[in-house]
C-alpha cells in the first residue's frame, strides 16, 4: 500500500504545477515586466515549470523504483550511484 504514496504525490505535484503554469503573469520575476519583455519572460517562467515538473517526476520515479528493488530483495539500500547521478543531472541542467 505504501508504494502508492510516491506516485500519488507525484501526480498531485504534476497537476498543481500544470495548473500554476497557466498563469505566468502571477510569477515572481527578477526583472520588471514590460510590454517588450513580457512574452519572453512568461515563456521562460513556463519553461522553468516544465523542467521542474520533469525533474520532480523523474526523481520520484527513481525513488519508487529503488523502493521496489529493496522490497523485492534485489537491493539492500538506496543506490549511491542513483543519488550521484541525480545530483550530476541537477548541476548539469541548472
N, C-alpha and C. Protein backbone atom coordinates (compact mmCIF):
# COMPACT_ATOMS: atom_id res chain seq x y z
N UNK A 1 0.81 -1.20 0.00
CA UNK A 1 0.00 0.00 0.00
C UNK A 1 0.86 1.27 0.00
N UNK A 2 1.94 1.27 0.78
CA UNK A 2 2.75 2.48 0.87
C UNK A 2 3.53 2.76 -0.40
N UNK A 3 3.67 1.77 -1.27
CA UNK A 3 4.37 2.01 -2.52
C UNK A 3 3.59 2.98 -3.42
N UNK A 4 2.31 3.15 -3.18
CA UNK A 4 1.47 4.05 -3.97
C UNK A 4 1.52 5.49 -3.50
N UNK A 5 2.14 5.76 -2.36
CA UNK A 5 2.18 7.13 -1.85
C UNK A 5 2.98 8.05 -2.79
N UNK A 6 4.16 7.62 -3.19
CA UNK A 6 5.01 8.46 -4.05
C UNK A 6 4.38 8.74 -5.41
N UNK A 7 3.81 7.75 -6.11
CA UNK A 7 3.15 8.08 -7.38
C UNK A 7 1.97 9.04 -7.20
N UNK A 8 1.24 8.90 -6.11
CA UNK A 8 0.13 9.82 -5.86
C UNK A 8 0.66 11.23 -5.61
N UNK A 9 1.72 11.33 -4.81
CA UNK A 9 2.34 12.64 -4.56
C UNK A 9 2.85 13.24 -5.87
N UNK A 10 3.48 12.43 -6.71
CA UNK A 10 3.97 12.91 -8.00
C UNK A 10 2.82 13.41 -8.88
N UNK A 11 1.72 12.70 -8.89
CA UNK A 11 0.57 13.12 -9.69
C UNK A 11 -0.02 14.43 -9.18
N UNK A 12 -0.08 14.57 -7.87
CA UNK A 12 -0.60 15.82 -7.29
C UNK A 12 0.32 16.99 -7.61
N UNK A 13 1.63 16.79 -7.44
CA UNK A 13 2.58 17.86 -7.76
C UNK A 13 2.51 18.21 -9.24
N UNK A 14 2.43 17.19 -10.09
CA UNK A 14 2.33 17.43 -11.53
C UNK A 14 1.09 18.25 -11.85
N UNK A 15 -0.04 17.89 -11.27
CA UNK A 15 -1.29 18.61 -11.53
C UNK A 15 -1.22 20.05 -11.02
N UNK A 16 -0.67 20.24 -9.84
CA UNK A 16 -0.55 21.60 -9.30
C UNK A 16 0.37 22.47 -10.14
N UNK A 17 1.53 21.94 -10.53
CA UNK A 17 2.44 22.73 -11.34
C UNK A 17 1.88 23.00 -12.73
N UNK A 18 1.11 22.06 -13.25
CA UNK A 18 0.45 22.30 -14.54
C UNK A 18 -0.57 23.43 -14.41
N UNK A 19 -1.34 23.41 -13.33
CA UNK A 19 -2.33 24.48 -13.12
C UNK A 19 -1.65 25.83 -12.92
N UNK A 20 -0.58 25.85 -12.15
CA UNK A 20 0.12 27.11 -11.88
C UNK A 20 0.76 27.65 -13.15
N UNK A 21 1.26 26.77 -14.02
CA UNK A 21 1.95 27.24 -15.23
C UNK A 21 1.01 27.95 -16.20
N UNK A 22 -0.28 27.82 -16.00
CA UNK A 22 -1.23 28.51 -16.88
C UNK A 22 -1.36 30.00 -16.56
N UNK A 23 -0.76 30.44 -15.46
CA UNK A 23 -0.85 31.84 -15.04
C UNK A 23 0.54 32.43 -14.85
N UNK A 24 1.33 32.55 -15.94
CA UNK A 24 2.70 33.04 -15.79
C UNK A 24 2.77 34.50 -15.34
N UNK A 25 1.72 35.26 -15.51
CA UNK A 25 1.72 36.66 -15.09
C UNK A 25 1.72 36.80 -13.57
N UNK A 26 1.45 35.71 -12.85
CA UNK A 26 1.44 35.77 -11.38
C UNK A 26 2.78 35.36 -10.76
N UNK A 27 3.74 34.93 -11.60
CA UNK A 27 5.04 34.51 -11.07
C UNK A 27 5.83 35.72 -10.57
N UNK A 28 6.81 35.45 -9.74
CA UNK A 28 7.71 36.49 -9.26
C UNK A 28 8.95 36.48 -10.14
N UNK A 29 9.17 37.54 -10.92
CA UNK A 29 10.27 37.62 -11.87
C UNK A 29 11.38 38.51 -11.33
N UNK A 30 12.64 38.23 -11.70
CA UNK A 30 13.75 39.04 -11.20
C UNK A 30 13.90 40.38 -11.91
N UNK A 31 13.17 40.58 -13.00
CA UNK A 31 13.22 41.84 -13.73
C UNK A 31 11.82 42.40 -13.85
N UNK A 32 11.70 43.70 -13.98
CA UNK A 32 10.37 44.29 -14.19
C UNK A 32 9.79 43.81 -15.53
N UNK A 33 8.51 43.50 -15.53
CA UNK A 33 7.84 43.03 -16.75
C UNK A 33 7.30 44.25 -17.50
N UNK A 34 7.75 44.37 -18.73
CA UNK A 34 7.28 45.43 -19.61
C UNK A 34 6.59 44.79 -20.81
N UNK A 35 6.00 45.61 -21.64
CA UNK A 35 5.33 45.06 -22.82
C UNK A 35 6.34 44.46 -23.80
N UNK A 36 7.59 44.93 -23.76
CA UNK A 36 8.61 44.40 -24.66
C UNK A 36 9.12 43.03 -24.22
N UNK A 37 9.24 42.80 -22.91
CA UNK A 37 9.85 41.55 -22.45
C UNK A 37 8.83 40.58 -21.85
N UNK A 38 7.56 40.93 -21.83
CA UNK A 38 6.55 40.08 -21.17
C UNK A 38 6.47 38.70 -21.81
N UNK A 39 6.41 38.63 -23.12
CA UNK A 39 6.27 37.34 -23.78
C UNK A 39 7.45 36.43 -23.47
N UNK A 40 8.65 36.97 -23.57
CA UNK A 40 9.86 36.17 -23.31
C UNK A 40 9.91 35.72 -21.85
N UNK A 41 9.62 36.61 -20.93
CA UNK A 41 9.66 36.25 -19.51
C UNK A 41 8.61 35.20 -19.17
N UNK A 42 7.43 35.34 -19.74
CA UNK A 42 6.39 34.35 -19.48
C UNK A 42 6.77 32.98 -20.04
N UNK A 43 7.39 32.96 -21.23
CA UNK A 43 7.84 31.69 -21.80
C UNK A 43 8.95 31.07 -20.95
N UNK A 44 9.87 31.91 -20.46
CA UNK A 44 10.93 31.40 -19.59
C UNK A 44 10.35 30.85 -18.28
N UNK A 45 9.38 31.54 -17.72
CA UNK A 45 8.75 31.08 -16.49
C UNK A 45 8.03 29.75 -16.68
N UNK A 46 7.32 29.63 -17.77
CA UNK A 46 6.62 28.37 -18.04
C UNK A 46 7.60 27.25 -18.33
N UNK A 47 8.68 27.58 -19.04
CA UNK A 47 9.72 26.59 -19.31
C UNK A 47 10.37 26.08 -18.04
N UNK A 48 10.57 26.98 -17.09
CA UNK A 48 11.13 26.59 -15.80
C UNK A 48 10.22 25.59 -15.11
N UNK A 49 8.93 25.83 -15.14
CA UNK A 49 8.00 24.89 -14.51
C UNK A 49 7.94 23.55 -15.23
N UNK A 50 8.10 23.56 -16.55
CA UNK A 50 8.13 22.30 -17.29
C UNK A 50 9.32 21.46 -16.85
N UNK A 51 10.50 22.08 -16.74
CA UNK A 51 11.69 21.35 -16.28
C UNK A 51 11.54 20.90 -14.84
N UNK A 52 10.96 21.76 -14.01
CA UNK A 52 10.77 21.41 -12.61
C UNK A 52 9.84 20.20 -12.49
N UNK A 53 8.76 20.20 -13.25
CA UNK A 53 7.85 19.04 -13.24
C UNK A 53 8.57 17.78 -13.68
N UNK A 54 9.35 17.88 -14.73
CA UNK A 54 10.06 16.71 -15.24
C UNK A 54 11.05 16.17 -14.21
N UNK A 55 11.83 17.07 -13.61
CA UNK A 55 12.81 16.63 -12.62
C UNK A 55 12.16 16.01 -11.39
N UNK A 56 11.09 16.60 -10.92
CA UNK A 56 10.40 16.06 -9.74
C UNK A 56 9.81 14.69 -10.06
N UNK A 57 9.16 14.57 -11.20
CA UNK A 57 8.56 13.28 -11.55
C UNK A 57 9.61 12.20 -11.74
N UNK A 58 10.72 12.51 -12.40
CA UNK A 58 11.79 11.53 -12.56
C UNK A 58 12.41 11.15 -11.22
N UNK A 59 12.63 12.14 -10.37
CA UNK A 59 13.19 11.85 -9.05
C UNK A 59 12.28 10.91 -8.27
N UNK A 60 11.00 11.19 -8.25
CA UNK A 60 10.07 10.34 -7.52
C UNK A 60 9.94 8.96 -8.18
N UNK A 61 10.05 8.90 -9.50
CA UNK A 61 10.02 7.60 -10.18
C UNK A 61 11.24 6.77 -9.79
N UNK A 62 12.40 7.39 -9.72
CA UNK A 62 13.60 6.67 -9.30
C UNK A 62 13.50 6.19 -7.86
N UNK A 63 12.92 7.02 -7.00
CA UNK A 63 12.77 6.63 -5.60
C UNK A 63 11.82 5.44 -5.49
N UNK A 64 10.71 5.46 -6.22
CA UNK A 64 9.78 4.34 -6.21
C UNK A 64 10.45 3.08 -6.75
N UNK A 65 11.22 3.21 -7.81
CA UNK A 65 11.93 2.06 -8.36
C UNK A 65 12.87 1.47 -7.31
N UNK A 66 13.59 2.32 -6.61
CA UNK A 66 14.51 1.83 -5.59
C UNK A 66 13.74 1.17 -4.43
N UNK A 67 12.61 1.73 -4.05
CA UNK A 67 11.79 1.11 -3.01
C UNK A 67 11.35 -0.29 -3.42
N UNK A 68 10.96 -0.44 -4.68
CA UNK A 68 10.53 -1.75 -5.17
C UNK A 68 11.69 -2.73 -5.18
N UNK A 69 12.87 -2.28 -5.61
CA UNK A 69 14.03 -3.16 -5.62
C UNK A 69 14.40 -3.62 -4.22
N UNK A 70 14.34 -2.72 -3.25
CA UNK A 70 14.64 -3.09 -1.86
C UNK A 70 13.57 -4.07 -1.35
N UNK A 71 12.32 -3.81 -1.67
CA UNK A 71 11.24 -4.68 -1.19
C UNK A 71 11.35 -6.09 -1.78
N UNK A 72 11.82 -6.19 -3.00
CA UNK A 72 11.97 -7.50 -3.64
C UNK A 72 13.26 -8.20 -3.23
N UNK A 73 14.11 -7.51 -2.51
CA UNK A 73 15.37 -8.10 -2.07
C UNK A 73 16.48 -7.99 -3.09
N UNK A 74 16.28 -7.22 -4.15
CA UNK A 74 17.31 -7.04 -5.18
C UNK A 74 18.30 -5.94 -4.84
N UNK A 75 18.03 -5.19 -3.80
CA UNK A 75 18.94 -4.13 -3.35
C UNK A 75 18.86 -4.07 -1.83
N UNK A 76 19.94 -3.65 -1.21
CA UNK A 76 20.00 -3.59 0.24
C UNK A 76 19.77 -2.18 0.78
N UNK A 77 20.04 -1.17 -0.05
CA UNK A 77 19.96 0.21 0.41
C UNK A 77 19.65 1.11 -0.79
N UNK A 78 19.49 2.38 -0.49
CA UNK A 78 19.29 3.36 -1.55
C UNK A 78 20.58 3.47 -2.35
N UNK A 79 20.51 3.43 -3.63
CA UNK A 79 21.68 3.41 -4.50
C UNK A 79 22.42 4.74 -4.47
N UNK A 80 23.68 4.72 -4.05
CA UNK A 80 24.50 5.93 -4.05
C UNK A 80 24.78 6.38 -5.48
N UNK A 81 24.85 5.44 -6.41
CA UNK A 81 25.05 5.79 -7.81
C UNK A 81 23.87 6.61 -8.33
N UNK A 82 22.69 6.20 -7.93
CA UNK A 82 21.49 6.94 -8.32
C UNK A 82 21.52 8.35 -7.75
N UNK A 83 21.88 8.47 -6.49
CA UNK A 83 21.95 9.79 -5.86
C UNK A 83 22.97 10.67 -6.56
N UNK A 84 24.15 10.14 -6.86
CA UNK A 84 25.18 10.91 -7.56
C UNK A 84 24.72 11.29 -8.96
N UNK A 85 24.03 10.38 -9.62
CA UNK A 85 23.51 10.68 -10.95
C UNK A 85 22.49 11.80 -10.92
N UNK A 86 21.62 11.79 -9.92
CA UNK A 86 20.62 12.85 -9.81
C UNK A 86 21.27 14.20 -9.50
N UNK A 87 22.28 14.20 -8.64
CA UNK A 87 22.98 15.44 -8.32
C UNK A 87 23.70 15.96 -9.56
N UNK A 88 24.37 15.07 -10.29
CA UNK A 88 25.05 15.48 -11.52
C UNK A 88 24.06 16.05 -12.52
N UNK A 89 22.92 15.39 -12.69
CA UNK A 89 21.91 15.87 -13.62
C UNK A 89 21.41 17.25 -13.22
N UNK A 90 21.19 17.46 -11.95
CA UNK A 90 20.71 18.75 -11.45
C UNK A 90 21.74 19.85 -11.69
N UNK A 91 23.01 19.55 -11.44
CA UNK A 91 24.06 20.54 -11.65
C UNK A 91 24.22 20.82 -13.14
N UNK A 92 24.20 19.77 -13.95
CA UNK A 92 24.37 19.92 -15.40
C UNK A 92 23.20 20.69 -15.99
N UNK A 93 22.00 20.45 -15.47
CA UNK A 93 20.79 21.07 -16.00
C UNK A 93 20.68 22.54 -15.60
N UNK A 94 21.10 22.85 -14.41
CA UNK A 94 20.85 24.18 -13.88
C UNK A 94 22.01 25.07 -13.92
